[in-house]
PDB file of N, CA and C in Angstrom:
ATOM      1  N   UNK A   1       0.925  -1.194  -0.010  1.00  0.00           N
ATOM      2  CA  UNK A   1       0.034   0.018   0.003  1.00  0.00           C
ATOM      3  C   UNK A   1       0.818   1.250  -0.029  1.00  0.00           C
ATOM      4  N   UNK A   2       2.000   1.118   0.826  1.00  0.00           N
ATOM      5  CA  UNK A   2       2.816   2.367   0.876  1.00  0.00           C
ATOM      6  C   UNK A   2       3.566   2.745  -0.537  1.00  0.00           C
ATOM      7  N   UNK A   3       3.967   1.734  -1.244  1.00  0.00           N
ATOM      8  CA  UNK A   3       4.492   1.891  -2.561  1.00  0.00           C
ATOM      9  C   UNK A   3       3.452   2.435  -3.521  1.00  0.00           C
ATOM     10  N   UNK A   4       2.327   2.027  -3.518  1.00  0.00           N
ATOM     11  CA  UNK A   4       1.176   2.468  -4.336  1.00  0.00           C
ATOM     12  C   UNK A   4       0.928   3.890  -4.082  1.00  0.00           C
ATOM     13  N   UNK A   5       0.936   4.372  -2.815  1.00  0.00           N
ATOM     14  CA  UNK A   5       0.748   5.789  -2.472  1.00  0.00           C
ATOM     15  C   UNK A   5       1.852   6.540  -3.053  1.00  0.00           C
ATOM     16  N   UNK A   6       3.052   6.138  -2.877  1.00  0.00           N
ATOM     17  CA  UNK A   6       4.227   6.878  -3.331  1.00  0.00           C
ATOM     18  C   UNK A   6       4.175   7.059  -4.771  1.00  0.00           C
ATOM     19  N   UNK A   7       3.770   6.077  -5.593  1.00  0.00           N
ATOM     20  CA  UNK A   7       3.812   6.155  -6.924  1.00  0.00           C
ATOM     21  C   UNK A   7       2.607   6.969  -7.474  1.00  0.00           C
ATOM     22  N   UNK A   8       1.560   6.990  -6.741  1.00  0.00           N
ATOM     23  CA  UNK A   8       0.316   7.810  -6.909  1.00  0.00           C
ATOM     24  C   UNK A   8       0.683   9.273  -6.806  1.00  0.00           C
ATOM     25  N   UNK A   9       1.479   9.657  -5.739  1.00  0.00           N
ATOM     26  CA  UNK A   9       1.954  10.887  -5.548  1.00  0.00           C
ATOM     27  C   UNK A   9       2.793  11.539  -6.509  1.00  0.00           C
ATOM     28  N   UNK A  10       3.855  10.505  -6.787  1.00  0.00           N
ATOM     29  CA  UNK A  10       4.842  10.947  -7.927  1.00  0.00           C
ATOM     30  C   UNK A  10       4.035  11.237  -9.143  1.00  0.00           C
ATOM     31  N   UNK A  11       3.112  10.491  -9.539  1.00  0.00           N
ATOM     32  CA  UNK A  11       2.326  10.682 -10.756  1.00  0.00           C
ATOM     33  C   UNK A  11       1.565  11.997 -10.790  1.00  0.00           C
ATOM     34  N   UNK A  12       1.098  12.330  -9.647  1.00  0.00           N
ATOM     35  CA  UNK A  12       0.256  13.640  -9.431  1.00  0.00           C
ATOM     36  C   UNK A  12       1.069  14.722  -9.707  1.00  0.00           C
ATOM     37  N   UNK A  13       2.357  14.817  -9.037  1.00  0.00           N
ATOM     38  CA  UNK A  13       3.173  15.793  -9.162  1.00  0.00           C
ATOM     39  C   UNK A  13       3.750  15.952 -10.717  1.00  0.00           C
ATOM     40  N   UNK A  14       4.177  14.922 -11.325  1.00  0.00           N
ATOM     41  CA  UNK A  14       4.386  14.795 -12.751  1.00  0.00           C
ATOM     42  C   UNK A  14       3.454  15.342 -13.668  1.00  0.00           C
ATOM     43  N   UNK A  15       2.202  14.792 -13.420  1.00  0.00           N
ATOM     44  CA  UNK A  15       1.089  15.193 -14.461  1.00  0.00           C
ATOM     45  C   UNK A  15       0.495  16.576 -14.242  1.00  0.00           C
ATOM     46  N   UNK A  16       0.843  17.067 -13.085  1.00  0.00           N
ATOM     47  CA  UNK A  16       0.304  18.518 -12.893  1.00  0.00           C
ATOM     48  C   UNK A  16       0.981  19.543 -13.700  1.00  0.00           C
ATOM     49  N   UNK A  17       2.255  19.173 -13.891  1.00  0.00           N
ATOM     50  CA  UNK A  17       2.958  20.257 -14.845  1.00  0.00           C
ATOM     51  C   UNK A  17       2.931  21.716 -14.247  1.00  0.00           C
ATOM     52  N   UNK A  18       2.887  21.911 -13.022  1.00  0.00           N
ATOM     53  CA  UNK A  18       2.829  23.253 -12.685  1.00  0.00           C
ATOM     54  C   UNK A  18       3.980  24.202 -12.971  1.00  0.00           C
ATOM     55  N   UNK A  19       3.870  25.423 -13.242  1.00  0.00           N
ATOM     56  CA  UNK A  19       5.043  26.259 -13.621  1.00  0.00           C
ATOM     57  C   UNK A  19       5.279  27.318 -12.599  1.00  0.00           C
ATOM     58  N   UNK A  20       4.589  27.351 -11.476  1.00  0.00           N
ATOM     59  CA  UNK A  20       4.769  28.352 -10.681  1.00  0.00           C
ATOM     60  C   UNK A  20       4.967  27.906  -9.293  1.00  0.00           C
ATOM     61  N   UNK A  21       5.393  28.673  -8.284  1.00  0.00           N
ATOM     62  CA  UNK A  21       5.753  28.172  -6.921  1.00  0.00           C
ATOM     63  C   UNK A  21       4.459  27.934  -6.174  1.00  0.00           C
ATOM     64  N   UNK A  22       3.418  28.838  -6.521  1.00  0.00           N
ATOM     65  CA  UNK A  22       2.143  28.623  -6.139  1.00  0.00           C
ATOM     66  C   UNK A  22       1.555  27.225  -6.524  1.00  0.00           C
ATOM     67  N   UNK A  23       1.757  26.902  -7.818  1.00  0.00           N
ATOM     68  CA  UNK A  23       1.322  25.597  -8.212  1.00  0.00           C
ATOM     69  C   UNK A  23       1.996  24.479  -7.544  1.00  0.00           C
ATOM     70  N   UNK A  24       3.297  24.558  -7.323  1.00  0.00           N
ATOM     71  CA  UNK A  24       4.010  23.488  -6.623  1.00  0.00           C
ATOM     72  C   UNK A  24       3.469  23.306  -5.197  1.00  0.00           C
ATOM     73  N   UNK A  25       3.243  24.471  -4.496  1.00  0.00           N
ATOM     74  CA  UNK A  25       2.694  24.413  -3.210  1.00  0.00           C
ATOM     75  C   UNK A  25       1.335  23.650  -3.183  1.00  0.00           C
ATOM     76  N   UNK A  26       0.478  23.951  -4.178  1.00  0.00           N
ATOM     77  CA  UNK A  26      -0.731  23.258  -4.266  1.00  0.00           C
ATOM     78  C   UNK A  26      -0.712  21.750  -4.482  1.00  0.00           C
ATOM     79  N   UNK A  27       0.306  21.429  -5.344  1.00  0.00           N
ATOM     80  CA  UNK A  27       0.573  19.903  -5.619  1.00  0.00           C
ATOM     81  C   UNK A  27       1.000  19.278  -4.267  1.00  0.00           C
ATOM     82  N   UNK A  28       1.954  19.951  -3.569  1.00  0.00           N
ATOM     83  CA  UNK A  28       2.509  19.321  -2.348  1.00  0.00           C
ATOM     84  C   UNK A  28       1.206  19.165  -1.252  1.00  0.00           C
ATOM     85  N   UNK A  29       0.407  20.043  -1.271  1.00  0.00           N
ATOM     86  CA  UNK A  29      -0.657  20.055  -0.438  1.00  0.00           C
ATOM     87  C   UNK A  29      -1.682  18.865  -0.746  1.00  0.00           C
ATOM     88  N   UNK A  30      -1.880  18.690  -2.016  1.00  0.00           N
ATOM     89  CA  UNK A  30      -2.751  17.717  -2.356  1.00  0.00           C
ATOM     90  C   UNK A  30      -2.103  16.331  -2.107  1.00  0.00           C
ATOM     91  N   UNK A  31      -0.781  16.179  -2.391  1.00  0.00           N
ATOM     92  CA  UNK A  31      -0.210  15.152  -2.055  1.00  0.00           C
ATOM     93  C   UNK A  31      -0.041  14.706  -0.462  1.00  0.00           C
ATOM     94  N   UNK A  32       0.081  15.753   0.232  1.00  0.00           N
ATOM     95  CA  UNK A  32      -0.133  15.609   1.771  1.00  0.00           C
ATOM     96  C   UNK A  32      -1.490  15.050   2.063  1.00  0.00           C
ATOM     97  N   UNK A  33      -2.406  15.569   1.531  1.00  0.00           N
ATOM     98  CA  UNK A  33      -3.756  15.140   1.795  1.00  0.00           C
ATOM     99  C   UNK A  33      -4.054  13.637   1.487  1.00  0.00           C
ATOM    100  N   UNK A  34      -3.368  13.170   0.286  1.00  0.00           N
ATOM    101  CA  UNK A  34      -3.559  11.843  -0.048  1.00  0.00           C
ATOM    102  C   UNK A  34      -2.797  10.892   0.958  1.00  0.00           C
ATOM    103  N   UNK A  35      -1.532  11.271   1.362  1.00  0.00           N
ATOM    104  CA  UNK A  35      -0.829  10.578   2.348  1.00  0.00           C
ATOM    105  C   UNK A  35      -1.735  10.413   3.695  1.00  0.00           C
ATOM    106  N   UNK A  36      -2.322  11.587   4.080  1.00  0.00           N
ATOM    107  CA  UNK A  36      -2.960  11.572   5.340  1.00  0.00           C
ATOM    108  C   UNK A  36      -4.232  10.759   5.143  1.00  0.00           C
ATOM    109  N   UNK A  37      -4.980  10.714   4.135  1.00  0.00           N
ATOM    110  CA  UNK A  37      -5.998   9.884   3.992  1.00  0.00           C
ATOM    111  C   UNK A  37      -5.511   8.406   3.866  1.00  0.00           C
ATOM    112  N   UNK A  38      -4.568   8.125   3.336  1.00  0.00           N
ATOM    113  CA  UNK A  38      -3.986   6.687   3.306  1.00  0.00           C
ATOM    114  C   UNK A  38      -3.689   6.207   4.574  1.00  0.00           C
ATOM    115  N   UNK A  39      -3.014   7.147   5.365  1.00  0.00           N
ATOM    116  CA  UNK A  39      -2.778   6.808   6.804  1.00  0.00           C
ATOM    117  C   UNK A  39      -3.870   6.587   7.794  1.00  0.00           C
ATOM    118  N   UNK A  40      -4.947   7.193   7.426  1.00  0.00           N
ATOM    119  CA  UNK A  40      -6.183   7.100   8.230  1.00  0.00           C
ATOM    120  C   UNK A  40      -6.950   5.717   8.095  1.00  0.00           C
ATOM    121  N   UNK A  41      -6.513   5.071   6.886  1.00  0.00           N
ATOM    122  CA  UNK A  41      -7.246   3.926   6.458  1.00  0.00           C
ATOM    123  C   UNK A  41      -6.467   2.786   7.155  1.00  0.00           C
TER     124      UNK A  41
END
């Protein structure tokens, strides 16, 4: 499960293709939410 989460987060960051610092911050925040939800399960 841990590996799947890491792959999923990496995919999100790569596919987002953000060009600004604000976009990176949003991607990191989304990735954090995914990790938090996975940890709760």
